[in-house]
PDB file of N, CA and C in Angstrom:
ATOM      1  N   MET A   1       0.869  -0.820   0.109  1.00  0.00           N
ATOM      2  CA  MET A   1       0.093   0.148   0.527  1.00  0.00           C
ATOM      3  C   MET A   1       0.345   0.861  -0.328  1.00  0.00           C
ATOM      4  N   PRO A   2       1.024   1.693  -1.122  1.00  0.00           N
ATOM      5  CA  PRO A   2       1.684   3.225  -0.898  1.00  0.00           C
ATOM      6  C   PRO A   2       1.603   3.815  -0.451  1.00  0.00           C
ATOM      7  N   THR A   3       2.824   5.221   0.615  1.00  0.00           N
ATOM      8  CA  THR A   3       1.956   5.965   1.423  1.00  0.00           C
ATOM      9  C   THR A   3       2.103   7.147  -0.221  1.00  0.00           C
ATOM     10  N   ILE A   4       1.122   8.782   0.661  1.00  0.00           N
ATOM     11  CA  ILE A   4       1.056   9.280  -0.626  1.00  0.00           C
ATOM     12  C   ILE A   4       1.302  10.571  -0.274  1.00  0.00           C
ATOM     13  N   SER A   5       0.836  10.640   0.942  1.00  0.00           N
ATOM     14  CA  SER A   5       1.182  11.837   2.182  1.00  0.00           C
ATOM     15  C   SER A   5       1.693  11.716   3.174  1.00  0.00           C
ATOM     16  N   GLN A   6       2.738  12.056   3.750  1.00  0.00           N
ATOM     17  CA  GLN A   6       2.864  12.067   5.738  1.00  0.00           C
ATOM     18  C   GLN A   6       2.925  13.694   6.467  1.00  0.00           C
ATOM     19  N   PHE A   7       2.093  14.065   7.278  1.00  0.00           N
ATOM     20  CA  PHE A   7       2.025  15.510   8.036  1.00  0.00           C
ATOM     21  C   PHE A   7       1.218  14.794   9.169  1.00  0.00           C
ATOM     22  N   TYR A   8       1.946  16.008  10.378  1.00  0.00           N
ATOM     23  CA  TYR A   8       1.076  15.958  11.593  1.00  0.00           C
ATOM     24  C   TYR A   8       1.653  14.524  11.975  1.00  0.00           C
ATOM     25  N   GLY A   9       2.130  13.771  11.682  1.00  0.00           N
ATOM     26  CA  GLY A   9       1.850  12.677  12.143  1.00  0.00           C
ATOM     27  C   GLY A   9       0.705  11.269  12.208  1.00  0.00           C
ATOM     28  N   ILE A  10       0.243  11.791  10.722  1.00  0.00           N
ATOM     29  CA  ILE A  10      -0.603  10.554   9.481  1.00  0.00           C
ATOM     30  C   ILE A  10       0.178  10.273   9.215  1.00  0.00           C
ATOM     31  N   ILE A  11      -0.464   9.526   8.146  1.00  0.00           N
ATOM     32  CA  ILE A  11      -0.074   8.495   7.558  1.00  0.00           C
ATOM     33  C   ILE A  11      -0.769   8.381   6.182  1.00  0.00           C
ATOM     34  N   ILE A  12      -0.987   9.182   5.475  1.00  0.00           N
ATOM     35  CA  ILE A  12      -1.852   8.682   3.663  1.00  0.00           C
ATOM     36  C   ILE A  12      -2.183   7.411   2.934  1.00  0.00           C
ATOM     37  N   ARG A  13      -2.744   6.689   2.962  1.00  0.00           N
ATOM     38  CA  ARG A  13      -2.346   5.602   1.308  1.00  0.00           C
ATOM     39  C   ARG A  13      -3.331   5.276   1.164  1.00  0.00           C
ATOM     40  N   MET A  14      -2.822   3.975   0.065  1.00  0.00           N
ATOM     41  CA  MET A  14      -4.142   4.159  -1.030  1.00  0.00           C
ATOM     42  C   MET A  14      -3.697   2.765  -1.269  1.00  0.00           C
ATOM     43  N   PHE A  15      -4.560   1.241  -1.266  1.00  0.00           N
ATOM     44  CA  PHE A  15      -4.637   0.543  -2.250  1.00  0.00           C
ATOM     45  C   PHE A  15      -4.410   0.182  -3.571  1.00  0.00           C
ATOM     46  N   PHE A  16      -3.659  -0.717  -3.774  1.00  0.00           N
ATOM     47  CA  PHE A  16      -4.271  -1.299  -4.632  1.00  0.00           C
ATOM     48  C   PHE A  16      -4.845  -1.680  -5.279  1.00  0.00           C
ATOM     49  N   ALA A  17      -6.294  -1.643  -6.869  1.00  0.00           N
ATOM     50  CA  ALA A  17      -7.118  -1.714  -7.305  1.00  0.00           C
ATOM     51  C   ALA A  17      -7.974  -2.118  -6.552  1.00  0.00           C
ATOM     52  N   GLU A  18      -8.887  -0.650  -5.668  1.00  0.00           N
ATOM     53  CA  GLU A  18      -9.172  -1.187  -4.269  1.00  0.00           C
ATOM     54  C   GLU A  18     -10.448  -1.031  -5.049  1.00  0.00           C
ATOM     55  N   HIS A  19     -11.657  -1.080  -3.820  1.00  0.00           N
ATOM     56  CA  HIS A  19     -13.043  -1.035  -4.363  1.00  0.00           C
ATOM     57  C   HIS A  19     -13.403   0.419  -4.914  1.00  0.00           C
ATOM     58  N   ALA A  20     -14.480   0.768  -4.666  1.00  0.00           N
ATOM     59  CA  ALA A  20     -15.047   1.634  -4.698  1.00  0.00           C
ATOM     60  C   ALA A  20     -16.014   1.870  -3.505  1.00  0.00           C
ATOM     61  N   PRO A  21     -16.441   2.916  -3.362  1.00  0.00           N
ATOM     62  CA  PRO A  21     -15.647   4.467  -3.943  1.00  0.00           C
ATOM     63  C   PRO A  21     -14.397   5.272  -3.917  1.00  0.00           C
ATOM     64  N   PRO A  22     -14.237   5.582  -4.091  1.00  0.00           N
ATOM     65  CA  PRO A  22     -12.738   6.024  -4.612  1.00  0.00           C
ATOM     66  C   PRO A  22     -12.615   6.497  -3.048  1.00  0.00           C
ATOM     67  N   HIS A  23     -11.188   6.429  -2.602  1.00  0.00           N
ATOM     68  CA  HIS A  23     -11.298   6.346  -0.886  1.00  0.00           C
ATOM     69  C   HIS A  23      -9.552   6.702  -0.459  1.00  0.00           C
ATOM     70  N   PHE A  24      -9.467   7.078   0.410  1.00  0.00           N
ATOM     71  CA  PHE A  24      -7.827   6.466   0.284  1.00  0.00           C
ATOM     72  C   PHE A  24      -7.971   6.132   2.423  1.00  0.00           C
ATOM     73  N   HIS A  25      -6.894   5.994   2.342  1.00  0.00           N
ATOM     74  CA  HIS A  25      -6.438   5.259   4.232  1.00  0.00           C
ATOM     75  C   HIS A  25      -6.199   5.948   4.961  1.00  0.00           C
ATOM     76  N   ALA A  26      -6.391   7.081   6.152  1.00  0.00           N
ATOM     77  CA  ALA A  26      -5.130   7.801   6.982  1.00  0.00           C
ATOM     78  C   ALA A  26      -5.173   6.788   8.319  1.00  0.00           C
ATOM     79  N   GLU A  27      -3.602   6.894   9.082  1.00  0.00           N
ATOM     80  CA  GLU A  27      -3.597   5.929   9.899  1.00  0.00           C
ATOM     81  C   GLU A  27      -2.636   7.509  11.049  1.00  0.00           C
ATOM     82  N   TYR A  28      -3.242   7.300  12.051  1.00  0.00           N
ATOM     83  CA  TYR A  28      -2.263   8.268  13.103  1.00  0.00           C
ATOM     84  C   TYR A  28      -2.039   7.886  14.254  1.00  0.00           C
ATOM     85  N   GLY A  29      -0.947   7.163  14.975  1.00  0.00           N
ATOM     86  CA  GLY A  29      -1.326   6.251  16.020  1.00  0.00           C
ATOM     87  C   GLY A  29      -1.801   4.837  15.608  1.00  0.00           C
ATOM     88  N   GLU A  30      -2.336   4.514  16.141  1.00  0.00           N
ATOM     89  CA  GLU A  30      -2.978   2.610  16.469  1.00  0.00           C
ATOM     90  C   GLU A  30      -4.206   3.597  15.872  1.00  0.00           C
ATOM     91  N   HIS A  31      -5.264   4.619  15.355  1.00  0.00           N
ATOM     92  CA  HIS A  31      -6.117   4.584  15.000  1.00  0.00           C
ATOM     93  C   HIS A  31      -6.150   4.807  13.279  1.00  0.00           C
ATOM     94  N   LYS A  32      -7.204   4.077  12.566  1.00  0.00           N
ATOM     95  CA  LYS A  32      -7.244   4.566  11.394  1.00  0.00           C
ATOM     96  C   LYS A  32      -8.485   4.631  10.685  1.00  0.00           C
ATOM     97  N   ALA A  33      -8.246   4.949   9.385  1.00  0.00           N
ATOM     98  CA  ALA A  33     -10.157   5.453   9.275  1.00  0.00           C
ATOM     99  C   ALA A  33      -9.360   5.734   7.489  1.00  0.00           C
ATOM    100  N   SER A  34     -11.219   4.749   6.998  1.00  0.00           N
ATOM    101  CA  SER A  34     -10.780   4.857   4.895  1.00  0.00           C
ATOM    102  C   SER A  34     -11.866   6.363   5.037  1.00  0.00           C
ATOM    103  N   ILE A  35     -11.177   7.295   3.961  1.00  0.00           N
ATOM    104  CA  ILE A  35     -12.619   8.105   4.047  1.00  0.00           C
ATOM    105  C   ILE A  35     -12.234   8.711   1.835  1.00  0.00           C
ATOM    106  N   ASN A  36     -13.952   8.727   2.073  1.00  0.00           N
ATOM    107  CA  ASN A  36     -14.498   8.563   0.349  1.00  0.00           C
ATOM    108  C   ASN A  36     -13.643  10.052   0.026  1.00  0.00           C
ATOM    109  N   ILE A  37     -12.305   9.812  -0.855  1.00  0.00           N
ATOM    110  CA  ILE A  37     -12.566  11.245  -1.760  1.00  0.00           C
ATOM    111  C   ILE A  37     -12.881  12.145  -2.144  1.00  0.00           C
ATOM    112  N   GLN A  38     -14.960  11.463  -2.908  1.00  0.00           N
ATOM    113  CA  GLN A  38     -15.518  13.328  -3.362  1.00  0.00           C
ATOM    114  C   GLN A  38     -16.091  13.030  -2.418  1.00  0.00           C
ATOM    115  N   THR A  39     -16.655  12.627  -1.295  1.00  0.00           N
ATOM    116  CA  THR A  39     -17.472  13.162  -0.363  1.00  0.00           C
ATOM    117  C   THR A  39     -17.166  13.388   0.994  1.00  0.00           C
ATOM    118  N   LEU A  40     -15.463  13.132   1.199  1.00  0.00           N
ATOM    119  CA  LEU A  40     -15.140  13.692   2.415  1.00  0.00           C
ATOM    120  C   LEU A  40     -16.002  13.260   3.619  1.00  0.00           C
ATOM    121  N   GLU A  41     -16.160  12.002   3.815  1.00  0.00           N
ATOM    122  CA  GLU A  41     -17.154  11.298   4.339  1.00  0.00           C
ATOM    123  C   GLU A  41     -16.223  10.167   4.892  1.00  0.00           C
ATOM    124  N   VAL A  42     -16.114  10.240   6.200  1.00  0.00           N
ATOM    125  CA  VAL A  42     -15.511   8.418   7.377  1.00  0.00           C
ATOM    126  C   VAL A  42     -16.607   7.242   6.729  1.00  0.00           C
ATOM    127  N   LEU A  43     -15.683   6.122   5.759  1.00  0.00           N
ATOM    128  CA  LEU A  43     -16.204   5.029   6.080  1.00  0.00           C
ATOM    129  C   LEU A  43     -16.237   4.086   6.151  1.00  0.00           C
ATOM    130  N   ASP A  44     -14.794   4.319   6.950  1.00  0.00           N
ATOM    131  CA  ASP A  44     -15.016   3.191   8.416  1.00  0.00           C
ATOM    132  C   ASP A  44     -14.172   4.027   9.008  1.00  0.00           C
ATOM    133  N   GLY A  45     -14.077   3.235  10.455  1.00  0.00           N
ATOM    134  CA  GLY A  45     -12.710   3.461  10.972  1.00  0.00           C
ATOM    135  C   GLY A  45     -12.846   4.868  11.303  1.00  0.00           C
ATOM    136  N   ASN A  46     -11.870   5.109  12.492  1.00  0.00           N
ATOM    137  CA  ASN A  46     -11.972   6.744  13.266  1.00  0.00           C
ATOM    138  C   ASN A  46     -10.561   7.163  13.753  1.00  0.00           C
ATOM    139  N   LEU A  47     -10.001   8.476  13.280  1.00  0.00           N
ATOM    140  CA  LEU A  47      -8.812   9.290  14.066  1.00  0.00           C
ATOM    141  C   LEU A  47      -9.562  10.059  15.345  1.00  0.00           C
ATOM    142  N   PRO A  48      -8.872   9.972  16.009  1.00  0.00           N
ATOM    143  CA  PRO A  48      -8.949  11.391  16.786  1.00  0.00           C
ATOM    144  C   PRO A  48      -9.277  12.589  16.054  1.00  0.00           C
ATOM    145  N   ARG A  49     -10.120  13.490  16.644  1.00  0.00           N
ATOM    146  CA  ARG A  49     -10.865  14.768  16.728  1.00  0.00           C
ATOM    147  C   ARG A  49     -10.008  15.706  15.186  1.00  0.00           C
ATOM    148  N   ARG A  50      -8.807  15.981  16.615  1.00  0.00           N
ATOM    149  CA  ARG A  50      -7.547  16.951  15.981  1.00  0.00           C
ATOM    150  C   ARG A  50      -7.386  16.311  14.504  1.00  0.00           C
ATOM    151  N   ALA A  51      -6.752  14.863  14.213  1.00  0.00           N
ATOM    152  CA  ALA A  51      -6.433  13.881  13.199  1.00  0.00           C
ATOM    153  C   ALA A  51      -7.228  14.386  12.362  1.00  0.00           C
ATOM    154  N   LEU A  52      -8.886  13.387  12.220  1.00  0.00           N
ATOM    155  CA  LEU A  52      -9.398  14.220  11.209  1.00  0.00           C
ATOM    156  C   LEU A  52      -9.631  15.597  11.152  1.00  0.00           C
ATOM    157  N   SER A  53     -10.268  16.211  11.938  1.00  0.00           N
ATOM    158  CA  SER A  53     -10.187  17.628  11.537  1.00  0.00           C
ATOM    159  C   SER A  53      -8.873  18.041  10.054  1.00  0.00           C
ATOM    160  N   LEU A  54      -7.242  17.413  10.669  1.00  0.00           N
ATOM    161  CA  LEU A  54      -6.374  17.876   9.573  1.00  0.00           C
ATOM    162  C   LEU A  54      -6.192  17.019   8.585  1.00  0.00           C
ATOM    163  N   THR A  55      -6.548  16.230   8.637  1.00  0.00           N
ATOM    164  CA  THR A  55      -7.031  15.025   7.216  1.00  0.00           C
ATOM    165  C   THR A  55      -8.043  15.429   6.457  1.00  0.00           C
ATOM    166  N   LEU A  56      -9.045  16.315   6.949  1.00  0.00           N
ATOM    167  CA  LEU A  56     -10.190  16.573   6.269  1.00  0.00           C
ATOM    168  C   LEU A  56      -9.921  17.912   5.039  1.00  0.00           C
ATOM    169  N   ASP A  57      -9.049  18.192   5.641  1.00  0.00           N
ATOM    170  CA  ASP A  57      -8.670  19.838   4.830  1.00  0.00           C
ATOM    171  C   ASP A  57      -7.689  19.904   4.222  1.00  0.00           C
ATOM    172  N   TRP A  58      -6.561  18.976   4.652  1.00  0.00           N
ATOM    173  CA  TRP A  58      -5.408  18.572   3.133  1.00  0.00           C
ATOM    174  C   TRP A  58      -6.440  17.952   2.449  1.00  0.00           C
ATOM    175  N   ALA A  59      -7.199  17.105   2.883  1.00  0.00           N
ATOM    176  CA  ALA A  59      -7.390  15.914   1.546  1.00  0.00           C
ATOM    177  C   ALA A  59      -8.935  16.853   0.323  1.00  0.00           C
ATOM    178  N   GLU A  60      -9.429  17.980   1.497  1.00  0.00           N
ATOM    179  CA  GLU A  60     -10.114  19.254   0.610  1.00  0.00           C
ATOM    180  C   GLU A  60      -9.613  19.841  -0.305  1.00  0.00           C
ATOM    181  N   LEU A  61      -8.217  20.775  -0.189  1.00  0.00           N
ATOM    182  CA  LEU A  61      -7.190  20.864  -0.509  1.00  0.00           C
ATOM    183  C   LEU A  61      -6.688  20.452  -1.863  1.00  0.00           C
ATOM    184  N   HIS A  62      -6.874  18.387  -1.251  1.00  0.00           N
ATOM    185  CA  HIS A  62      -6.184  18.020  -2.571  1.00  0.00           C
ATOM    186  C   HIS A  62      -6.952  17.053  -4.000  1.00  0.00           C
ATOM    187  N   GLN A  63      -8.958  17.234  -3.420  1.00  0.00           N
ATOM    188  CA  GLN A  63      -9.445  16.509  -4.235  1.00  0.00           C
ATOM    189  C   GLN A  63      -8.776  15.384  -5.527  1.00  0.00           C
ATOM    190  N   ASP A  64      -8.327  17.059  -6.396  1.00  0.00           N
ATOM    191  CA  ASP A  64      -8.145  16.285  -7.596  1.00  0.00           C
ATOM    192  C   ASP A  64      -6.975  15.487  -7.401  1.00  0.00           C
ATOM    193  N   GLU A  65      -6.096  15.774  -7.082  1.00  0.00           N
ATOM    194  CA  GLU A  65      -5.003  14.733  -7.402  1.00  0.00           C
ATOM    195  C   GLU A  65      -4.917  13.155  -6.981  1.00  0.00           C
ATOM    196  N   LEU A  66      -5.605  13.797  -4.715  1.00  0.00           N
ATOM    197  CA  LEU A  66      -6.296  12.434  -4.616  1.00  0.00           C
ATOM    198  C   LEU A  66      -7.134  11.498  -5.767  1.00  0.00           C
ATOM    199  N   MET A  67      -8.278  11.257  -6.353  1.00  0.00           N
ATOM    200  CA  MET A  67      -8.749  10.962  -7.214  1.00  0.00           C
ATOM    201  C   MET A  67      -7.648  10.202  -8.645  1.00  0.00           C
ATOM    202  N   ILE A  68      -6.892  11.320  -9.126  1.00  0.00           N
ATOM    203  CA  ILE A  68      -5.730  11.269  -9.786  1.00  0.00           C
ATOM    204  C   ILE A  68      -5.213  10.134  -9.737  1.00  0.00           C
ATOM    205  N   ASP A  69      -5.024  10.004  -7.672  1.00  0.00           N
ATOM    206  CA  ASP A  69      -3.972   8.926  -7.564  1.00  0.00           C
ATOM    207  C   ASP A  69      -4.652   7.517  -7.726  1.00  0.00           C
ATOM    208  N   TRP A  70      -6.177   7.635  -7.610  1.00  0.00           N
ATOM    209  CA  TRP A  70      -6.818   7.289  -7.041  1.00  0.00           C
ATOM    210  C   TRP A  70      -7.203   6.272  -8.841  1.00  0.00           C
ATOM    211  N   ASP A  71      -7.236   6.778  -9.749  1.00  0.00           N
ATOM    212  CA  ASP A  71      -7.322   6.370 -11.091  1.00  0.00           C
ATOM    213  C   ASP A  71      -6.192   4.867 -11.714  1.00  0.00           C
ATOM    214  N   LYS A  72      -4.380   5.709 -10.307  1.00  0.00           N
ATOM    215  CA  LYS A  72      -3.323   5.229 -10.652  1.00  0.00           C
ATOM    216  C   LYS A  72      -3.629   3.800 -10.086  1.00  0.00           C
ATOM    217  N   CYS A  73      -3.756   3.655  -9.466  1.00  0.00           N
ATOM    218  CA  CYS A  73      -4.019   3.027  -7.917  1.00  0.00           C
ATOM    219  C   CYS A  73      -5.001   1.613  -8.653  1.00  0.00           C
ATOM    220  N   ARG A  74      -5.985   2.476  -9.115  1.00  0.00           N
ATOM    221  CA  ARG A  74      -6.966   0.874 -10.122  1.00  0.00           C
ATOM    222  C   ARG A  74      -6.328   0.122 -10.662  1.00  0.00           C
ATOM    223  N   LEU A  75      -4.905   1.158 -11.230  1.00  0.00           N
ATOM    224  CA  LEU A  75      -4.716   0.926 -12.539  1.00  0.00           C
ATOM    225  C   LEU A  75      -3.014  -0.494 -12.295  1.00  0.00           C
ATOM    226  N   HIS A  76      -3.150  -0.448 -11.010  1.00  0.00           N
ATOM    227  CA  HIS A  76      -1.336  -0.451 -10.625  1.00  0.00           C
ATOM    228  C   HIS A  76      -0.877  -0.133 -10.717  1.00  0.00           C
ATOM    229  N   HIS A  77      -0.766   0.999 -10.709  1.00  0.00           N
ATOM    230  CA  HIS A  77      -0.129   2.276 -11.354  1.00  0.00           C
ATOM    231  C   HIS A  77       0.779   3.061 -10.253  1.00  0.00           C
ATOM    232  N   ASN A  78       2.147   3.512  -9.524  1.00  0.00           N
ATOM    233  CA  ASN A  78       1.831   3.894  -8.908  1.00  0.00           C
ATOM    234  C   ASN A  78       1.282   5.421  -8.735  1.00  0.00           C
ATOM    235  N   PRO A  79       1.203   5.728  -7.409  1.00  0.00           N
ATOM    236  CA  PRO A  79       0.379   6.763  -7.371  1.00  0.00           C
ATOM    237  C   PRO A  79       1.471   8.429  -7.062  1.00  0.00           C
ATOM    238  N   ASP A  80       1.384   9.084  -7.193  1.00  0.00           N
ATOM    239  CA  ASP A  80       1.681  10.220  -6.960  1.00  0.00           C
ATOM    240  C   ASP A  80       1.947  11.116  -5.453  1.00  0.00           C
ATOM    241  N   LYS A  81       3.140  11.501  -5.599  1.00  0.00           N
ATOM    242  CA  LYS A  81       3.474  12.104  -3.861  1.00  0.00           C
ATOM    243  C   LYS A  81       2.179  13.222  -3.867  1.00  0.00           C
ATOM    244  N   ILE A  82       1.536  13.526  -2.299  1.00  0.00           N
ATOM    245  CA  ILE A  82       0.506  14.890  -2.500  1.00  0.00           C
ATOM    246  C   ILE A  82       1.259  15.459  -1.015  1.00  0.00           C
ATOM    247  N   LYS A  83       2.386  16.802  -2.107  1.00  0.00           N
ATOM    248  CA  LYS A  83       2.309  18.156  -0.921  1.00  0.00           C
ATOM    249  C   LYS A  83       1.600  17.317   0.965  1.00  0.00           C
ATOM    250  N   PRO A  84       2.501  17.564   1.820  1.00  0.00           N
ATOM    251  CA  PRO A  84       1.815  17.397   3.105  1.00  0.00           C
ATOM    252  C   PRO A  84       1.272  18.639   3.464  1.00  0.00           C
ATOM    253  N   LEU A  85       0.413  18.395   4.222  1.00  0.00           N
ATOM    254  CA  LEU A  85      -0.136  19.766   4.870  1.00  0.00           C
ATOM    255  C   LEU A  85       0.511  20.702   5.584  1.00  0.00           C
ATOM    256  N   THR A  86       0.872  22.325   5.306  1.00  0.00           N
ATOM    257  CA  THR A  86       2.172  22.827   6.366  1.00  0.00           C
ATOM    258  C   THR A  86       1.050  23.569   6.949  1.00  0.00           C
TER     259      THR A  86
END
C-alpha cells in the first residue's frame, strides 16, 4: 500500500486495485480510517478529532490529486506523492 503523504504524524495511503467508492486510508498512531475522496466522509474506522480535522482539511485541498492517484492505483500504477499539510 503506497504512502501518498505524511504530516503531523498522519500517514495517507491507498491500496492498489481497491473497491469503490474512491477513498484513501489515513493512519494516526493506532487509529485508522478510510475516507471517501468525493464526499470527505469517513467510510470506516476513526481518527481522533484533531487528526481527522487535519486530514479532511488536507483532503479538501487535494481532492483532484487524490482522484488522479485513485485512478493510477486502480490500474496498478504507482500514485504520485501529494504535498503534506504545513
